[in-house]
Amino acid sequence: MIGFGIMDNFIMIQAGDYIDNTFGATLGIATLTAAAFGQVFSDVSGVLFGGVVERGVSKLGIRPPDISAAQRTLGVCKNVIIAGSVVGVTVGCLLGASCLLFMDLNASERKKKAKELDTILETIMNHGDEVIEAERCSVFWVDASKKELWSRYASGVDSSGPNATIFTVPLHKSIVGSAAVKREVVHVPDVTKDKRFAGRQSISGFSCRSILCAPVFDKGTGEVIAVVEFLNKKSKKGEKEMGFTENDEKLAKMLAYHVGIFTQRINDEEDD
């Protein structure tokens, strides 16, 4: 029964997690629904696993306890069988659930939220870098529990599909994070002179020279929920790069404000 418990819980968790991170994130399937499908795979595997075990035990010459039919009907015998099964399955399930310690339990929720915001944010990002004349624009979401920010949105990068890369940066040791912590616009004209950058490469090895970040506030709580990031002020061919201006900072704040409004609308629709 211990082996059955390990197999049952392990397969359910792994299958459910895979479904949640692929079909769930793409089609918007609830986590509980993904878990239910995972249980189907687990139960089917249990039936097959049971037959394999029985054949294996038989080949090893291990026989069941030599107990008569009359003895099996005794209350003591029944209680021992039930107790043994309960303990075995419980221990097995706990061992099978140990795989949760090595899994990113928030990955599916991140992908689902990213999917919900795809249309709106991709539109904003596609035009945001044009308004501020930046080479690239991204949105980082704050994960306070992990003390980090994550993103998969960047103009010029294919961020669609369930296999899109979600990357993270530390909340307290990054330029993007400082905008969230300080709750203000952060402008770094030369990232090579800033310790928080520390030579970090952007998406797809994109070379970053200057950064402009603006925090996105939750309209209900006032907390910082995201940061809009702009990389490298565009310059005309042959001209020296001037960097982001004070007017760019105002535009970044305005864009961040609209991201907050759109996010609030999506959250309100979910509550309804």
C-alpha atoms as a PDB file:
ATOM      1  CA  MET A   1       0.000   0.000   0.000  1.00  0.00           C
ATOM      2  CA  ILE A   2       2.943   2.316   0.576  1.00  0.00           C
ATOM      3  CA  GLY A   3       4.030   1.815  -3.029  1.00  0.00           C
ATOM      4  CA  PHE A   4       0.500   2.451  -4.253  1.00  0.00           C
ATOM      5  CA  GLY A   5       0.284   5.675  -2.225  1.00  0.00           C
ATOM      6  CA  ILE A   6       3.599   6.950  -3.590  1.00  0.00           C
ATOM      7  CA  MET A   7       2.627   6.155  -7.168  1.00  0.00           C
ATOM      8  CA  ASP A   8      -0.910   7.542  -6.854  1.00  0.00           C
ATOM      9  CA  ASN A   9       0.013  10.913  -5.359  1.00  0.00           C
ATOM     10  CA  PHE A  10       3.180  11.381  -7.406  1.00  0.00           C
ATOM     11  CA  ILE A  11       1.453  10.780 -10.745  1.00  0.00           C
ATOM     12  CA  MET A  12      -1.555  12.917  -9.793  1.00  0.00           C
ATOM     13  CA  ILE A  13       0.682  15.860  -8.826  1.00  0.00           C
ATOM     14  CA  GLN A  14       2.974  15.585 -11.845  1.00  0.00           C
ATOM     15  CA  ALA A  15       0.165  15.059 -14.363  1.00  0.00           C
ATOM     16  CA  GLY A  16      -1.981  17.787 -12.797  1.00  0.00           C
ATOM     17  CA  ASP A  17       0.932  20.231 -12.743  1.00  0.00           C
ATOM     18  CA  TYR A  18       1.773  19.526 -16.390  1.00  0.00           C
ATOM     19  CA  ILE A  19      -1.840  20.018 -17.473  1.00  0.00           C
ATOM     20  CA  ASP A  20      -2.109  23.178 -15.366  1.00  0.00           C
ATOM     21  CA  ASN A  21       1.051  24.682 -16.875  1.00  0.00           C
ATOM     22  CA  THR A  22       0.191  23.811 -20.487  1.00  0.00           C
ATOM     23  CA  PHE A  23      -3.500  23.437 -21.311  1.00  0.00           C
ATOM     24  CA  GLY A  24      -4.530  25.266 -18.137  1.00  0.00           C
ATOM     25  CA  ALA A  25      -2.444  28.344 -18.889  1.00  0.00           C
ATOM     26  CA  THR A  26      -3.425  28.362 -22.574  1.00  0.00           C
ATOM     27  CA  LEU A  27      -7.146  27.627 -22.271  1.00  0.00           C
ATOM     28  CA  GLY A  28      -7.742  29.195 -18.870  1.00  0.00           C
ATOM     29  CA  ILE A  29      -8.603  25.885 -17.167  1.00  0.00           C
ATOM     30  CA  ALA A  30      -8.917  26.163 -13.381  1.00  0.00           C
ATOM     31  CA  THR A  31      -6.245  24.540 -11.225  1.00  0.00           C
ATOM     32  CA  LEU A  32      -8.814  22.223  -9.606  1.00  0.00           C
ATOM     33  CA  THR A  33      -9.913  21.048 -13.052  1.00  0.00           C
ATOM     34  CA  ALA A  34      -6.299  20.274 -13.949  1.00  0.00           C
ATOM     35  CA  ALA A  35      -5.977  18.373 -10.662  1.00  0.00           C
ATOM     36  CA  ALA A  36      -9.091  16.353 -11.556  1.00  0.00           C
ATOM     37  CA  PHE A  37      -7.551  15.347 -14.891  1.00  0.00           C
ATOM     38  CA  GLY A  38      -4.366  14.473 -13.040  1.00  0.00           C
ATOM     39  CA  GLN A  39      -6.388  12.180 -10.791  1.00  0.00           C
ATOM     40  CA  VAL A  40      -7.733  10.384 -13.874  1.00  0.00           C
ATOM     41  CA  PHE A  41      -4.187   9.591 -14.996  1.00  0.00           C
ATOM     42  CA  SER A  42      -3.327   8.556 -11.452  1.00  0.00           C
ATOM     43  CA  ASP A  43      -6.280   6.166 -11.132  1.00  0.00           C
ATOM     44  CA  VAL A  44      -5.620   4.574 -14.523  1.00  0.00           C
ATOM     45  CA  SER A  45      -1.976   4.139 -13.565  1.00  0.00           C
ATOM     46  CA  GLY A  46      -3.103   2.627 -10.259  1.00  0.00           C
ATOM     47  CA  VAL A  47      -5.064  -0.081 -12.043  1.00  0.00           C
ATOM     48  CA  LEU A  48      -2.126  -0.897 -14.308  1.00  0.00           C
ATOM     49  CA  PHE A  49       0.380  -0.616 -11.456  1.00  0.00           C
ATOM     50  CA  GLY A  50      -1.644  -3.000  -9.309  1.00  0.00           C
ATOM     51  CA  GLY A  51      -1.589  -5.672 -11.992  1.00  0.00           C
ATOM     52  CA  VAL A  52       2.157  -5.291 -12.510  1.00  0.00           C
ATOM     53  CA  VAL A  53       2.812  -5.593  -8.781  1.00  0.00           C
ATOM     54  CA  GLU A  54       0.648  -8.705  -8.483  1.00  0.00           C
ATOM     55  CA  ARG A  55       2.481 -10.403 -11.355  1.00  0.00           C
ATOM     56  CA  GLY A  56       5.847  -9.355  -9.969  1.00  0.00           C
ATOM     57  CA  VAL A  57       5.060 -10.661  -6.490  1.00  0.00           C
ATOM     58  CA  SER A  58       3.806 -13.910  -7.964  1.00  0.00           C
ATOM     59  CA  LYS A  59       7.042 -14.402  -9.936  1.00  0.00           C
ATOM     60  CA  LEU A  60       9.079 -13.809  -6.780  1.00  0.00           C
ATOM     61  CA  GLY A  61       7.192 -16.597  -5.091  1.00  0.00           C
ATOM     62  CA  ILE A  62       5.745 -14.355  -2.395  1.00  0.00           C
ATOM     63  CA  ARG A  63       2.419 -15.698  -1.280  1.00  0.00           C
ATOM     64  CA  PRO A  64      -0.398 -13.967   0.595  1.00  0.00           C
ATOM     65  CA  PRO A  65      -0.813 -14.786   4.318  1.00  0.00           C
ATOM     66  CA  ASP A  66      -1.985 -18.338   4.914  1.00  0.00           C
ATOM     67  CA  ILE A  67      -5.317 -17.341   6.447  1.00  0.00           C
ATOM     68  CA  SER A  68      -8.505 -19.300   6.055  1.00  0.00           C
ATOM     69  CA  ALA A  69     -11.724 -17.779   4.808  1.00  0.00           C
ATOM     70  CA  ALA A  70     -13.191 -18.082   8.293  1.00  0.00           C
ATOM     71  CA  GLN A  71     -10.267 -16.196   9.825  1.00  0.00           C
ATOM     72  CA  ARG A  72     -10.630 -13.396   7.293  1.00  0.00           C
ATOM     73  CA  THR A  73     -14.158 -12.747   8.542  1.00  0.00           C
ATOM     74  CA  LEU A  74     -12.971 -12.198  12.115  1.00  0.00           C
ATOM     75  CA  GLY A  75     -13.241  -8.622  13.363  1.00  0.00           C
ATOM     76  CA  VAL A  76      -9.631  -8.525  14.521  1.00  0.00           C
ATOM     77  CA  CYS A  77      -8.370  -9.662  11.127  1.00  0.00           C
ATOM     78  CA  LYS A  78     -10.499  -7.094   9.288  1.00  0.00           C
ATOM     79  CA  ASN A  79      -9.332  -4.294  11.585  1.00  0.00           C
ATOM     80  CA  VAL A  80      -5.672  -5.214  11.076  1.00  0.00           C
ATOM     81  CA  ILE A  81      -6.108  -5.273   7.288  1.00  0.00           C
ATOM     82  CA  ILE A  82      -7.879  -1.900   7.299  1.00  0.00           C
ATOM     83  CA  ALA A  83      -5.357  -0.326   9.682  1.00  0.00           C
ATOM     84  CA  GLY A  84      -2.434  -1.605   7.634  1.00  0.00           C
ATOM     85  CA  SER A  85      -3.970  -0.270   4.434  1.00  0.00           C
ATOM     86  CA  VAL A  86      -4.683   3.148   5.982  1.00  0.00           C
ATOM     87  CA  VAL A  87      -1.174   3.510   7.388  1.00  0.00           C
ATOM     88  CA  GLY A  88       0.439   2.258   4.169  1.00  0.00           C
ATOM     89  CA  VAL A  89      -1.544   4.572   1.881  1.00  0.00           C
ATOM     90  CA  THR A  90      -1.033   7.560   4.204  1.00  0.00           C
ATOM     91  CA  VAL A  91       2.729   7.078   4.379  1.00  0.00           C
ATOM     92  CA  GLY A  92       2.905   6.447   0.632  1.00  0.00           C
ATOM     93  CA  CYS A  93       0.863   9.551  -0.226  1.00  0.00           C
ATOM     94  CA  LEU A  94       3.041  11.713   2.017  1.00  0.00           C
ATOM     95  CA  LEU A  95       6.171  10.369   0.347  1.00  0.00           C
ATOM     96  CA  GLY A  96       4.621  10.896  -3.084  1.00  0.00           C
ATOM     97  CA  ALA A  97       3.728  14.480  -2.159  1.00  0.00           C
ATOM     98  CA  SER A  98       7.356  15.233  -1.295  1.00  0.00           C
ATOM     99  CA  CYS A  99       7.895  16.177  -4.950  1.00  0.00           C
ATOM    100  CA  LEU A 100       6.044  19.422  -4.138  1.00  0.00           C
ATOM    101  CA  LEU A 101       9.176  20.585  -2.340  1.00  0.00           C
ATOM    102  CA  PHE A 102      11.010  20.731  -5.669  1.00  0.00           C
ATOM    103  CA  MET A 103       8.278  22.340  -7.788  1.00  0.00           C
ATOM    104  CA  ASP A 104       7.479  25.982  -8.558  1.00  0.00           C
ATOM    105  CA  LEU A 105       3.926  26.080  -7.232  1.00  0.00           C
ATOM    106  CA  ASN A 106       3.286  29.593  -8.562  1.00  0.00           C
ATOM    107  CA  ALA A 107       4.342  28.942 -12.146  1.00  0.00           C
ATOM    108  CA  SER A 108       0.873  28.080 -13.452  1.00  0.00           C
ATOM    109  CA  GLU A 109      -0.763  31.075 -11.775  1.00  0.00           C
ATOM    110  CA  ARG A 110       1.831  33.360 -13.315  1.00  0.00           C
ATOM    111  CA  LYS A 111       1.203  31.934 -16.781  1.00  0.00           C
ATOM    112  CA  LYS A 112      -2.570  32.223 -16.382  1.00  0.00           C
ATOM    113  CA  LYS A 113      -2.332  35.836 -15.283  1.00  0.00           C
ATOM    114  CA  ALA A 114       0.061  36.538 -18.125  1.00  0.00           C
ATOM    115  CA  LYS A 115      -2.413  34.982 -20.569  1.00  0.00           C
ATOM    116  CA  GLU A 116      -5.264  37.157 -19.303  1.00  0.00           C
ATOM    117  CA  LEU A 117      -3.197  40.296 -19.758  1.00  0.00           C
ATOM    118  CA  ASP A 118      -1.722  39.317 -23.133  1.00  0.00           C
ATOM    119  CA  THR A 119      -3.912  41.378 -25.447  1.00  0.00           C
ATOM    120  CA  ILE A 120      -3.933  44.559 -23.382  1.00  0.00           C
ATOM    121  CA  LEU A 121      -0.297  44.575 -22.366  1.00  0.00           C
ATOM    122  CA  GLU A 122       1.076  43.568 -25.744  1.00  0.00           C
ATOM    123  CA  THR A 123      -0.834  46.497 -27.233  1.00  0.00           C
ATOM    124  CA  ILE A 124       0.608  48.834 -24.623  1.00  0.00           C
ATOM    125  CA  MET A 125       4.116  47.483 -25.077  1.00  0.00           C
ATOM    126  CA  ASN A 126       3.965  47.685 -28.863  1.00  0.00           C
ATOM    127  CA  HIS A 127       3.079  51.380 -28.675  1.00  0.00           C
ATOM    128  CA  GLY A 128       4.772  52.289 -25.407  1.00  0.00           C
ATOM    129  CA  ASP A 129       8.285  52.045 -26.786  1.00  0.00           C
ATOM    130  CA  GLU A 130       7.186  54.123 -29.786  1.00  0.00           C
ATOM    131  CA  VAL A 131       5.777  56.909 -27.593  1.00  0.00           C
ATOM    132  CA  ILE A 132       8.913  57.164 -25.456  1.00  0.00           C
ATOM    133  CA  GLU A 133      11.185  56.171 -28.346  1.00  0.00           C
ATOM    134  CA  ALA A 134      12.808  53.312 -26.447  1.00  0.00           C
ATOM    135  CA  GLU A 135      14.383  50.267 -28.047  1.00  0.00           C
ATOM    136  CA  ARG A 136      12.503  47.899 -25.776  1.00  0.00           C
ATOM    137  CA  CYS A 137       9.673  47.991 -23.249  1.00  0.00           C
ATOM    138  CA  SER A 138       8.745  45.408 -20.574  1.00  0.00           C
ATOM    139  CA  VAL A 139       6.332  44.945 -17.673  1.00  0.00           C
ATOM    140  CA  PHE A 140       7.534  43.300 -14.458  1.00  0.00           C
ATOM    141  CA  TRP A 141       5.009  42.027 -11.903  1.00  0.00           C
ATOM    142  CA  VAL A 142       5.787  42.158  -8.192  1.00  0.00           C
ATOM    143  CA  ASP A 143       5.794  38.877  -6.246  1.00  0.00           C
ATOM    144  CA  ALA A 144       6.125  40.108  -2.650  1.00  0.00           C
ATOM    145  CA  SER A 145       6.118  36.593  -1.180  1.00  0.00           C
ATOM    146  CA  LYS A 146       9.246  35.652  -3.142  1.00  0.00           C
ATOM    147  CA  LYS A 147      10.751  39.146  -3.025  1.00  0.00           C
ATOM    148  CA  GLU A 148      11.171  39.246  -6.781  1.00  0.00           C
ATOM    149  CA  LEU A 149       9.635  40.609  -9.972  1.00  0.00           C
ATOM    150  CA  TRP A 150       8.736  38.488 -12.987  1.00  0.00           C
ATOM    151  CA  SER A 151       7.950  39.229 -16.601  1.00  0.00           C
ATOM    152  CA  ARG A 152       7.462  37.760 -20.030  1.00  0.00           C
ATOM    153  CA  TYR A 153       6.438  40.949 -21.798  1.00  0.00           C
ATOM    154  CA  ALA A 154       8.932  42.777 -23.963  1.00  0.00           C
ATOM    155  CA  SER A 155       8.507  44.593 -27.241  1.00  0.00           C
ATOM    156  CA  GLY A 156      10.520  42.916 -29.966  1.00  0.00           C
ATOM    157  CA  VAL A 157      10.372  39.519 -28.252  1.00  0.00           C
ATOM    158  CA  ASP A 158       7.919  36.684 -28.938  1.00  0.00           C
ATOM    159  CA  SER A 159       6.179  36.332 -25.579  1.00  0.00           C
ATOM    160  CA  SER A 160       3.156  34.373 -26.793  1.00  0.00           C
ATOM    161  CA  GLY A 161       2.341  30.735 -26.187  1.00  0.00           C
ATOM    162  CA  PRO A 162       2.551  28.465 -23.125  1.00  0.00           C
ATOM    163  CA  ASN A 163       6.289  27.913 -23.608  1.00  0.00           C
ATOM    164  CA  ALA A 164       7.167  31.601 -23.397  1.00  0.00           C
ATOM    165  CA  THR A 165       9.997  32.217 -20.966  1.00  0.00           C
ATOM    166  CA  ILE A 166       9.113  33.845 -17.658  1.00  0.00           C
ATOM    167  CA  PHE A 167      12.171  35.476 -16.141  1.00  0.00           C
ATOM    168  CA  THR A 168      12.692  37.056 -12.724  1.00  0.00           C
ATOM    169  CA  VAL A 169      14.834  39.699 -11.017  1.00  0.00           C
ATOM    170  CA  PRO A 170      15.352  40.281  -7.274  1.00  0.00           C
ATOM    171  CA  LEU A 171      13.147  42.919  -5.657  1.00  0.00           C
ATOM    172  CA  HIS A 172      15.850  44.532  -3.519  1.00  0.00           C
ATOM    173  CA  LYS A 173      18.891  44.069  -5.751  1.00  0.00           C
ATOM    174  CA  SER A 174      17.803  45.335  -9.149  1.00  0.00           C
ATOM    175  CA  ILE A 175      17.046  48.618 -10.868  1.00  0.00           C
ATOM    176  CA  VAL A 176      13.510  47.490 -11.676  1.00  0.00           C
ATOM    177  CA  GLY A 177      13.001  46.431  -8.069  1.00  0.00           C
ATOM    178  CA  SER A 178      14.155  49.798  -6.751  1.00  0.00           C
ATOM    179  CA  ALA A 179      11.282  51.482  -8.611  1.00  0.00           C
ATOM    180  CA  ALA A 180       8.854  49.180  -6.794  1.00  0.00           C
ATOM    181  CA  VAL A 181      10.497  49.588  -3.383  1.00  0.00           C
ATOM    182  CA  LYS A 182      10.903  53.378  -3.610  1.00  0.00           C
ATOM    183  CA  ARG A 183       7.483  53.777  -5.285  1.00  0.00           C
ATOM    184  CA  GLU A 184       8.912  56.284  -7.735  1.00  0.00           C
ATOM    185  CA  VAL A 185      10.325  56.633 -11.233  1.00  0.00           C
ATOM    186  CA  VAL A 186      13.912  55.398 -11.501  1.00  0.00           C
ATOM    187  CA  HIS A 187      16.131  56.626 -14.326  1.00  0.00           C
ATOM    188  CA  VAL A 188      19.626  55.201 -14.821  1.00  0.00           C
ATOM    189  CA  PRO A 189      21.416  56.893 -17.763  1.00  0.00           C
ATOM    190  CA  ASP A 190      24.348  54.449 -17.687  1.00  0.00           C
ATOM    191  CA  VAL A 191      23.670  50.969 -16.279  1.00  0.00           C
ATOM    192  CA  THR A 192      27.344  50.001 -16.338  1.00  0.00           C
ATOM    193  CA  LYS A 193      27.913  52.414 -13.456  1.00  0.00           C
ATOM    194  CA  ASP A 194      25.080  51.025 -11.337  1.00  0.00           C
ATOM    195  CA  LYS A 195      25.774  48.112  -8.972  1.00  0.00           C
ATOM    196  CA  ARG A 196      22.157  46.950  -9.143  1.00  0.00           C
ATOM    197  CA  PHE A 197      22.555  46.115 -12.818  1.00  0.00           C
ATOM    198  CA  ALA A 198      25.745  44.110 -12.308  1.00  0.00           C
ATOM    199  CA  GLY A 199      26.092  43.244 -15.992  1.00  0.00           C
ATOM    200  CA  ARG A 200      22.680  41.561 -16.174  1.00  0.00           C
ATOM    201  CA  GLN A 201      21.652  40.819 -19.742  1.00  0.00           C
ATOM    202  CA  SER A 202      18.104  41.486 -20.786  1.00  0.00           C
ATOM    203  CA  ILE A 203      15.895  39.122 -22.750  1.00  0.00           C
ATOM    204  CA  SER A 204      17.629  37.233 -25.581  1.00  0.00           C
ATOM    205  CA  GLY A 205      20.983  38.813 -24.709  1.00  0.00           C
ATOM    206  CA  PHE A 206      19.717  42.315 -25.534  1.00  0.00           C
ATOM    207  CA  SER A 207      22.416  44.895 -24.768  1.00  0.00           C
ATOM    208  CA  CYS A 208      21.155  47.447 -22.260  1.00  0.00           C
ATOM    209  CA  ARG A 209      22.730  50.894 -21.864  1.00  0.00           C
ATOM    210  CA  SER A 210      20.114  52.971 -20.045  1.00  0.00           C
ATOM    211  CA  ILE A 211      16.947  52.148 -18.095  1.00  0.00           C
ATOM    212  CA  LEU A 212      13.807  54.075 -17.222  1.00  0.00           C
ATOM    213  CA  CYS A 213      11.342  52.438 -14.797  1.00  0.00           C
ATOM    214  CA  ALA A 214       7.933  53.560 -13.530  1.00  0.00           C
ATOM    215  CA  PRO A 215       5.902  51.786 -10.795  1.00  0.00           C
ATOM    216  CA  VAL A 216       2.338  50.581 -11.412  1.00  0.00           C
ATOM    217  CA  PHE A 217      -0.017  51.086  -8.470  1.00  0.00           C
ATOM    218  CA  ASP A 218      -3.083  49.062  -7.497  1.00  0.00           C
ATOM    219  CA  LYS A 219      -6.008  51.477  -7.678  1.00  0.00           C
ATOM    220  CA  GLY A 220      -7.673  49.890  -4.670  1.00  0.00           C
ATOM    221  CA  THR A 221      -4.863  49.339  -2.168  1.00  0.00           C
ATOM    222  CA  GLY A 222      -2.254  51.763  -3.446  1.00  0.00           C
ATOM    223  CA  GLU A 223       0.377  49.013  -3.411  1.00  0.00           C
ATOM    224  CA  VAL A 224       2.932  48.684  -6.205  1.00  0.00           C
ATOM    225  CA  ILE A 225       1.886  45.675  -8.293  1.00  0.00           C
ATOM    226  CA  ALA A 226       4.188  46.069 -11.290  1.00  0.00           C
ATOM    227  CA  VAL A 227       6.919  48.131 -12.920  1.00  0.00           C
ATOM    228  CA  VAL A 228       7.083  49.307 -16.536  1.00  0.00           C
ATOM    229  CA  GLU A 229      10.646  49.248 -17.860  1.00  0.00           C
ATOM    230  CA  PHE A 230      12.064  51.059 -20.900  1.00  0.00           C
ATOM    231  CA  LEU A 231      15.520  50.244 -22.263  1.00  0.00           C
ATOM    232  CA  ASN A 232      17.792  52.474 -24.350  1.00  0.00           C
ATOM    233  CA  LYS A 233      16.527  55.786 -25.684  1.00  0.00           C
ATOM    234  CA  LYS A 234      16.470  55.666 -29.485  1.00  0.00           C
ATOM    235  CA  SER A 235      18.609  58.107 -31.417  1.00  0.00           C
ATOM    236  CA  LYS A 236      18.695  58.979 -35.081  1.00  0.00           C
ATOM    237  CA  LYS A 237      21.345  57.336 -37.197  1.00  0.00           C
ATOM    238  CA  GLY A 238      24.639  59.117 -36.838  1.00  0.00           C
ATOM    239  CA  GLU A 239      23.542  61.086 -33.771  1.00  0.00           C
ATOM    240  CA  LYS A 240      24.856  60.609 -30.247  1.00  0.00           C
ATOM    241  CA  GLU A 241      22.469  58.862 -27.849  1.00  0.00           C
ATOM    242  CA  MET A 242      21.016  61.537 -25.548  1.00  0.00           C
ATOM    243  CA  GLY A 243      19.256  59.277 -23.056  1.00  0.00           C
ATOM    244  CA  PHE A 244      15.785  59.537 -21.561  1.00  0.00           C
ATOM    245  CA  THR A 245      14.452  63.007 -20.786  1.00  0.00           C
ATOM    246  CA  GLU A 246      12.261  64.492 -18.069  1.00  0.00           C
ATOM    247  CA  ASN A 247       9.373  64.378 -20.515  1.00  0.00           C
ATOM    248  CA  ASP A 248      10.010  60.640 -21.024  1.00  0.00           C
ATOM    249  CA  GLU A 249       9.706  60.162 -17.265  1.00  0.00           C
ATOM    250  CA  LYS A 250       6.281  61.834 -17.323  1.00  0.00           C
ATOM    251  CA  LEU A 251       5.186  59.651 -20.237  1.00  0.00           C
ATOM    252  CA  ALA A 252       6.419  56.539 -18.405  1.00  0.00           C
ATOM    253  CA  LYS A 253       4.335  57.477 -15.340  1.00  0.00           C
ATOM    254  CA  MET A 254       1.291  57.996 -17.560  1.00  0.00           C
ATOM    255  CA  LEU A 255       1.753  54.624 -19.251  1.00  0.00           C
ATOM    256  CA  ALA A 256       2.197  52.917 -15.867  1.00  0.00           C
ATOM    257  CA  TYR A 257      -1.014  54.585 -14.697  1.00  0.00           C
ATOM    258  CA  HIS A 258      -2.938  53.092 -17.619  1.00  0.00           C
ATOM    259  CA  VAL A 259      -1.446  49.642 -16.980  1.00  0.00           C
ATOM    260  CA  GLY A 260      -2.822  49.927 -13.433  1.00  0.00           C
ATOM    261  CA  ILE A 261      -6.280  50.834 -14.751  1.00  0.00           C
ATOM    262  CA  PHE A 262      -6.382  47.913 -17.201  1.00  0.00           C
ATOM    263  CA  THR A 263      -5.169  45.501 -14.527  1.00  0.00           C
ATOM    264  CA  GLN A 264      -7.862  46.700 -12.130  1.00  0.00           C
ATOM    265  CA  ARG A 265     -10.541  46.160 -14.775  1.00  0.00           C
ATOM    266  CA  ILE A 266      -9.396  42.577 -15.319  1.00  0.00           C
ATOM    267  CA  ASN A 267      -9.396  41.914 -11.564  1.00  0.00           C
ATOM    268  CA  ASP A 268     -12.888  43.405 -11.254  1.00  0.00           C
ATOM    269  CA  GLU A 269     -14.151  41.121 -14.042  1.00  0.00           C
ATOM    270  CA  GLU A 270     -12.690  38.093 -12.230  1.00  0.00           C
ATOM    271  CA  ASP A 271     -14.436  39.111  -8.993  1.00  0.00           C
ATOM    272  CA  ASP A 272     -17.759  39.387 -10.836  1.00  0.00           C
END
